[in-house]
C-alpha atoms as a PDB file:
ATOM      1  CA  MET A   1      83.526 151.888  61.692  1.00  0.00           C
ATOM      2  CA  SER A   2      82.458 148.543  60.160  1.00  0.00           C
ATOM      3  CA  PHE A   3      80.758 146.982  57.158  1.00  0.00           C
ATOM      4  CA  ILE A   4      77.501 146.599  59.100  1.00  0.00           C
ATOM      5  CA  ASN A   5      75.356 149.293  60.681  1.00  0.00           C
ATOM      6  CA  THR A   6      75.767 149.459  64.445  1.00  0.00           C
ATOM      7  CA  ILE A   7      73.788 151.076  67.234  1.00  0.00           C
ATOM      8  CA  PRO A   8      75.274 154.433  68.272  1.00  0.00           C
ATOM      9  CA  GLU A   9      76.061 154.776  71.933  1.00  0.00           C
ATOM     10  CA  HIS A  10      73.445 157.489  72.472  1.00  0.00           C
ATOM     11  CA  GLN A  11      70.733 155.204  71.038  1.00  0.00           C
ATOM     12  CA  ALA A  12      71.676 152.070  72.955  1.00  0.00           C
ATOM     13  CA  THR A  13      69.140 150.621  75.381  1.00  0.00           C
ATOM     14  CA  GLY A  14      68.760 147.489  77.466  1.00  0.00           C
ATOM     15  CA  ALA A  15      71.398 144.800  77.031  1.00  0.00           C
ATOM     16  CA  VAL A  16      73.254 146.820  74.385  1.00  0.00           C
ATOM     17  CA  HIS A  17      73.558 149.817  76.704  1.00  0.00           C
ATOM     18  CA  GLU A  18      74.781 147.563  79.514  1.00  0.00           C
ATOM     19  CA  MET A  19      77.372 145.954  77.245  1.00  0.00           C
ATOM     20  CA  TYR A  20      78.571 149.351  76.051  1.00  0.00           C
ATOM     21  CA  GLN A  21      78.898 150.557  79.631  1.00  0.00           C
ATOM     22  CA  ARG A  22      80.959 147.533  80.653  1.00  0.00           C
ATOM     23  CA  GLN A  23      83.319 148.111  77.742  1.00  0.00           C
ATOM     24  CA  LYS A  24      83.652 151.823  78.520  1.00  0.00           C
ATOM     25  CA  GLU A  25      84.395 151.101  82.171  1.00  0.00           C
ATOM     26  CA  HIS A  26      87.145 148.705  81.151  1.00  0.00           C
ATOM     27  CA  TRP A  27      88.775 150.759  78.384  1.00  0.00           C
ATOM     28  CA  GLY A  28      87.799 154.319  79.212  1.00  0.00           C
ATOM     29  CA  TYR A  29      86.068 154.605  75.824  1.00  0.00           C
ATOM     30  CA  LEU A  30      83.769 152.491  73.674  1.00  0.00           C
ATOM     31  CA  PRO A  31      85.973 150.354  71.415  1.00  0.00           C
ATOM     32  CA  ASN A  32      84.884 149.803  67.842  1.00  0.00           C
ATOM     33  CA  TYR A  33      84.806 146.036  68.283  1.00  0.00           C
ATOM     34  CA  ALA A  34      82.121 146.367  70.961  1.00  0.00           C
ATOM     35  CA  ALA A  35      79.818 148.210  68.588  1.00  0.00           C
ATOM     36  CA  VAL A  36      80.064 145.316  66.115  1.00  0.00           C
ATOM     37  CA  PHE A  37      78.579 143.031  68.774  1.00  0.00           C
ATOM     38  CA  CYS A  38      75.616 145.368  69.371  1.00  0.00           C
ATOM     39  CA  HIS A  39      73.217 143.054  67.546  1.00  0.00           C
ATOM     40  CA  ARG A  40      74.215 140.158  69.821  1.00  0.00           C
ATOM     41  CA  PRO A  41      75.267 141.693  73.155  1.00  0.00           C
ATOM     42  CA  GLU A  42      74.756 138.378  74.918  1.00  0.00           C
ATOM     43  CA  LEU A  43      77.484 136.904  72.707  1.00  0.00           C
ATOM     44  CA  MET A  44      79.929 139.555  73.890  1.00  0.00           C
ATOM     45  CA  ALA A  45      79.151 138.597  77.490  1.00  0.00           C
ATOM     46  CA  ARG A  46      79.671 134.914  76.712  1.00  0.00           C
ATOM     47  CA  TRP A  47      82.876 135.669  74.837  1.00  0.00           C
ATOM     48  CA  GLY A  48      84.141 137.492  77.913  1.00  0.00           C
ATOM     49  CA  ARG A  49      83.385 134.476  80.094  1.00  0.00           C
ATOM     50  CA  LEU A  50      85.001 132.078  77.625  1.00  0.00           C
ATOM     51  CA  LEU A  51      88.078 134.274  77.388  1.00  0.00           C
ATOM     52  CA  ALA A  52      88.377 134.403  81.159  1.00  0.00           C
ATOM     53  CA  GLU A  53      88.225 130.613  81.356  1.00  0.00           C
ATOM     54  CA  VAL A  54      90.755 129.878  78.608  1.00  0.00           C
ATOM     55  CA  LYS A  55      93.070 132.513  80.070  1.00  0.00           C
ATOM     56  CA  ARG A  56      92.836 131.407  83.714  1.00  0.00           C
ATOM     57  CA  PRO A  57      95.144 128.327  83.709  1.00  0.00           C
ATOM     58  CA  LEU A  58      98.080 130.043  81.967  1.00  0.00           C
ATOM     59  CA  ASP A  59     100.324 132.654  83.519  1.00  0.00           C
ATOM     60  CA  GLU A  60     100.068 136.139  82.025  1.00  0.00           C
ATOM     61  CA  PHE A  61     103.241 135.847  79.967  1.00  0.00           C
ATOM     62  CA  ARG A  62     102.265 132.635  78.218  1.00  0.00           C
ATOM     63  CA  TYR A  63      98.712 133.819  77.636  1.00  0.00           C
ATOM     64  CA  GLU A  64      99.965 136.992  75.941  1.00  0.00           C
ATOM     65  CA  LEU A  65     102.633 135.058  74.027  1.00  0.00           C
ATOM     66  CA  VAL A  66     100.132 132.569  72.606  1.00  0.00           C
ATOM     67  CA  THR A  67      97.563 135.251  71.846  1.00  0.00           C
ATOM     68  CA  PHE A  68     100.102 137.462  70.122  1.00  0.00           C
ATOM     69  CA  ALA A  69     101.500 134.594  68.041  1.00  0.00           C
ATOM     70  CA  ALA A  70      98.005 133.614  66.898  1.00  0.00           C
ATOM     71  CA  ALA A  71      96.886 137.190  66.212  1.00  0.00           C
ATOM     72  CA  ARG A  72     100.023 137.902  64.209  1.00  0.00           C
ATOM     73  CA  CYS A  73      99.572 134.741  62.155  1.00  0.00           C
ATOM     74  CA  LEU A  74      95.961 135.778  61.500  1.00  0.00           C
ATOM     75  CA  GLN A  75      97.218 139.196  60.325  1.00  0.00           C
ATOM     76  CA  ASN A  76      94.902 141.017  62.708  1.00  0.00           C
ATOM     77  CA  THR A  77      96.389 144.415  63.443  1.00  0.00           C
ATOM     78  CA  ALA A  78      94.240 145.316  66.465  1.00  0.00           C
ATOM     79  CA  CYS A  79      94.937 142.149  68.443  1.00  0.00           C
ATOM     80  CA  SER A  80      98.592 142.119  67.377  1.00  0.00           C
ATOM     81  CA  ILE A  81      99.128 145.635  68.691  1.00  0.00           C
ATOM     82  CA  ALA A  82      97.020 145.202  71.828  1.00  0.00           C
ATOM     83  CA  HIS A  83      98.605 141.941  72.928  1.00  0.00           C
ATOM     84  CA  GLY A  84     102.000 142.797  71.503  1.00  0.00           C
ATOM     85  CA  GLY A  85     101.938 145.880  73.709  1.00  0.00           C
ATOM     86  CA  LYS A  86     101.190 143.830  76.808  1.00  0.00           C
ATOM     87  CA  LEU A  87     103.936 141.380  75.879  1.00  0.00           C
ATOM     88  CA  ALA A  88     106.339 144.270  75.314  1.00  0.00           C
ATOM     89  CA  GLU A  89     105.818 145.378  78.917  1.00  0.00           C
ATOM     90  CA  MET A  90     107.280 142.033  79.968  1.00  0.00           C
ATOM     91  CA  ILE A  91     110.039 141.380  77.419  1.00  0.00           C
ATOM     92  CA  GLY A  92     110.520 144.652  75.537  1.00  0.00           C
ATOM     93  CA  THR A  93     109.375 146.007  72.182  1.00  0.00           C
ATOM     94  CA  ASP A  94     112.399 144.724  70.248  1.00  0.00           C
ATOM     95  CA  ALA A  95     111.730 141.176  71.430  1.00  0.00           C
ATOM     96  CA  VAL A  96     108.078 141.389  70.393  1.00  0.00           C
ATOM     97  CA  ILE A  97     109.049 142.603  66.941  1.00  0.00           C
ATOM     98  CA  ALA A  98     111.544 139.751  66.660  1.00  0.00           C
ATOM     99  CA  ILE A  99     108.788 137.241  67.458  1.00  0.00           C
ATOM    100  CA  ALA A 100     106.478 138.918  64.947  1.00  0.00           C
ATOM    101  CA  GLU A 101     109.105 138.504  62.250  1.00  0.00           C
ATOM    102  CA  GLY A 102     109.832 134.856  63.046  1.00  0.00           C
ATOM    103  CA  GLY A 103     112.968 135.483  65.071  1.00  0.00           C
ATOM    104  CA  GLU A 104     111.719 134.108  68.374  1.00  0.00           C
ATOM    105  CA  ASP A 105     114.772 131.833  68.668  1.00  0.00           C
ATOM    106  CA  SER A 106     116.885 134.922  69.348  1.00  0.00           C
ATOM    107  CA  VAL A 107     114.748 136.246  72.212  1.00  0.00           C
ATOM    108  CA  LEU A 108     112.932 133.303  73.816  1.00  0.00           C
ATOM    109  CA  PRO A 109     113.985 130.032  75.453  1.00  0.00           C
ATOM    110  CA  PRO A 110     113.354 126.855  73.435  1.00  0.00           C
ATOM    111  CA  THR A 111     110.097 125.893  75.158  1.00  0.00           C
ATOM    112  CA  ASP A 112     108.506 129.274  74.549  1.00  0.00           C
ATOM    113  CA  CYS A 113     109.687 129.144  70.940  1.00  0.00           C
ATOM    114  CA  ALA A 114     107.927 125.797  70.551  1.00  0.00           C
ATOM    115  CA  ILE A 115     104.778 127.299  72.068  1.00  0.00           C
ATOM    116  CA  VAL A 116     104.886 130.204  69.607  1.00  0.00           C
ATOM    117  CA  ARG A 117     105.217 127.852  66.666  1.00  0.00           C
ATOM    118  CA  PHE A 118     102.397 125.629  67.898  1.00  0.00           C
ATOM    119  CA  ALA A 119     100.095 128.634  68.400  1.00  0.00           C
ATOM    120  CA  ARG A 120     100.849 129.775  64.851  1.00  0.00           C
ATOM    121  CA  GLU A 121      99.973 126.342  63.507  1.00  0.00           C
ATOM    122  CA  VAL A 122      96.655 126.359  65.370  1.00  0.00           C
ATOM    123  CA  ALA A 123      95.832 129.722  63.798  1.00  0.00           C
ATOM    124  CA  ARG A 124      97.155 128.849  60.327  1.00  0.00           C
ATOM    125  CA  ASP A 125      95.862 125.305  59.825  1.00  0.00           C
ATOM    126  CA  ALA A 126      94.969 123.338  62.937  1.00  0.00           C
ATOM    127  CA  GLY A 127      93.977 120.322  60.867  1.00  0.00           C
ATOM    128  CA  ALA A 128      97.554 119.961  59.643  1.00  0.00           C
ATOM    129  CA  ILE A 129      98.990 119.552  63.152  1.00  0.00           C
ATOM    130  CA  THR A 130     100.345 116.062  63.736  1.00  0.00           C
ATOM    131  CA  ALA A 131     100.625 113.835  66.779  1.00  0.00           C
ATOM    132  CA  ALA A 132     104.388 114.140  66.456  1.00  0.00           C
ATOM    133  CA  GLN A 133     104.205 117.912  66.886  1.00  0.00           C
ATOM    134  CA  VAL A 134     102.141 117.567  70.038  1.00  0.00           C
ATOM    135  CA  ASN A 135     104.402 114.814  71.305  1.00  0.00           C
ATOM    136  CA  ASP A 136     107.356 117.180  70.832  1.00  0.00           C
ATOM    137  CA  LEU A 137     105.723 119.663  73.207  1.00  0.00           C
ATOM    138  CA  ARG A 138     105.232 116.851  75.699  1.00  0.00           C
ATOM    139  CA  GLU A 139     108.472 114.907  75.459  1.00  0.00           C
ATOM    140  CA  LYS A 140     111.020 117.526  74.450  1.00  0.00           C
ATOM    141  CA  HIS A 141     109.643 120.541  76.282  1.00  0.00           C
ATOM    142  CA  GLY A 142     107.940 118.930  79.264  1.00  0.00           C
ATOM    143  CA  LEU A 143     104.474 120.403  78.772  1.00  0.00           C
ATOM    144  CA  ASP A 144     101.686 118.394  80.358  1.00  0.00           C
ATOM    145  CA  GLU A 145      98.420 117.473  78.665  1.00  0.00           C
ATOM    146  CA  ALA A 146      96.422 120.260  80.271  1.00  0.00           C
ATOM    147  CA  THR A 147      98.934 122.949  79.270  1.00  0.00           C
ATOM    148  CA  ILE A 148      98.962 121.752  75.670  1.00  0.00           C
ATOM    149  CA  PHE A 149      95.168 121.940  75.682  1.00  0.00           C
ATOM    150  CA  ASP A 150      95.282 125.442  77.171  1.00  0.00           C
ATOM    151  CA  ILE A 151      97.635 126.692  74.454  1.00  0.00           C
ATOM    152  CA  ALA A 152      95.414 125.253  71.723  1.00  0.00           C
ATOM    153  CA  ALA A 153      92.306 126.743  73.334  1.00  0.00           C
ATOM    154  CA  VAL A 154      93.783 130.235  73.662  1.00  0.00           C
ATOM    155  CA  ALA A 155      94.993 130.263  70.055  1.00  0.00           C
ATOM    156  CA  ALA A 156      91.689 128.899  68.756  1.00  0.00           C
ATOM    157  CA  ALA A 157      89.701 131.431  70.767  1.00  0.00           C
ATOM    158  CA  ARG A 158      91.697 134.249  69.180  1.00  0.00           C
ATOM    159  CA  CYS A 159      90.729 132.904  65.759  1.00  0.00           C
ATOM    160  CA  PHE A 160      87.041 133.361  66.589  1.00  0.00           C
ATOM    161  CA  PHE A 161      87.415 136.943  67.748  1.00  0.00           C
ATOM    162  CA  THR A 162      89.722 138.188  65.001  1.00  0.00           C
ATOM    163  CA  LYS A 163      87.730 136.563  62.217  1.00  0.00           C
ATOM    164  CA  VAL A 164      84.474 138.140  63.386  1.00  0.00           C
ATOM    165  CA  LEU A 165      86.107 141.582  63.493  1.00  0.00           C
ATOM    166  CA  ASP A 166      87.902 141.193  60.167  1.00  0.00           C
ATOM    167  CA  ALA A 167      84.870 139.772  58.369  1.00  0.00           C
ATOM    168  CA  LEU A 168      82.816 142.798  59.406  1.00  0.00           C
ATOM    169  CA  GLY A 169      85.476 145.403  58.654  1.00  0.00           C
ATOM    170  CA  THR A 170      85.947 146.647  62.200  1.00  0.00           C
ATOM    171  CA  GLU A 171      88.153 149.737  62.222  1.00  0.00           C
ATOM    172  CA  LEU A 172      91.020 150.225  64.630  1.00  0.00           C
ATOM    173  CA  ASP A 173      90.631 152.548  67.586  1.00  0.00           C
ATOM    174  CA  PRO A 174      92.886 155.639  67.355  1.00  0.00           C
ATOM    175  CA  GLY A 175      93.960 155.201  70.970  1.00  0.00           C
ATOM    176  CA  LEU A 176      95.245 151.712  70.234  1.00  0.00           C
ATOM    177  CA  LEU A 177      97.294 152.912  67.284  1.00  0.00           C
ATOM    178  CA  ALA A 178      98.864 155.627  69.417  1.00  0.00           C
ATOM    179  CA  SER A 179      99.666 153.321  72.336  1.00  0.00           C
ATOM    180  CA  ASN A 180     103.021 152.154  70.957  1.00  0.00           C
ATOM    181  CA  ALA A 181     104.254 153.920  67.836  1.00  0.00           C
ATOM    182  CA  MET A 182     107.058 151.436  67.107  1.00  0.00           C
ATOM    183  CA  LEU A 183     104.811 148.398  67.428  1.00  0.00           C
ATOM    184  CA  THR A 184     102.124 150.047  65.345  1.00  0.00           C
ATOM    185  CA  GLN A 185     104.596 150.789  62.579  1.00  0.00           C
ATOM    186  CA  ARG A 186     105.897 147.212  62.496  1.00  0.00           C
ATOM    187  CA  LEU A 187     102.659 145.320  63.196  1.00  0.00           C
ATOM    188  CA  ASP A 188     100.075 147.275  61.200  1.00  0.00           C
ATOM    189  CA  TRP A 189      99.082 144.945  58.366  1.00  0.00           C
ATOM    190  CA  ARG A 190      97.108 147.746  56.708  1.00  0.00           C
ATOM    191  CA  GLU A 191     100.292 149.764  56.260  1.00  0.00           C
ATOM    192  CA  ARG A 192     102.140 146.719  54.942  1.00  0.00           C
ATOM    193  CA  SER A 193      99.379 145.982  52.431  1.00  0.00           C
ATOM    194  CA  SER A 194      99.410 149.590  51.286  1.00  0.00           C
ATOM    195  CA  ASN A 195     103.173 149.502  50.777  1.00  0.00           C
ATOM    196  CA  ASP A 196     102.938 146.201  48.898  1.00  0.00           C
ATOM    197  CA  ASN A 197     100.323 147.673  46.575  1.00  0.00           C
ATOM    198  CA  ARG A 198     102.635 150.585  45.735  1.00  0.00           C
ATOM    199  CA  ARG A 199     105.452 148.306  44.634  1.00  0.00           C
END
């Protein structure tokens, strides 16, 4: 399930048991990522609170759009499929795949395209972002200061979560892979890496 040993559900006590129960109540099963946090259950609780706060100011569509763009740029399969699936409920699977492949101009209005590109830059190399890029969001697309901050915060938060999971080799949950076969086929970086290695 991961590169580190984790506490099995039947052996969990105290704060770990409580964290596991919260995750099971939310998902209907214990996700593999939760087990990775078993050695620091308080961090999972704080991550949940941070996520709720960075998510709160944005509407659901923009939150999922930013999160998906960042997760895809980070090549994290789990978050790409999970948030791509939520985005697909709003704009359709074909549109999500287009965004994943850099074709957002064909499926999104200009402002949302700019948001996608900014979120990717935050995930890829935030230190390379220039004042001119931020000014473009402000002047050309009419985003206010707080919204620009919110987009940066959501994308940066996704970097924390995906990098912890990837660094520790967290496996994907079978239920997530089965949730949207088309998205899984197009967004699964493991499959792409396997195909690349066969070439």
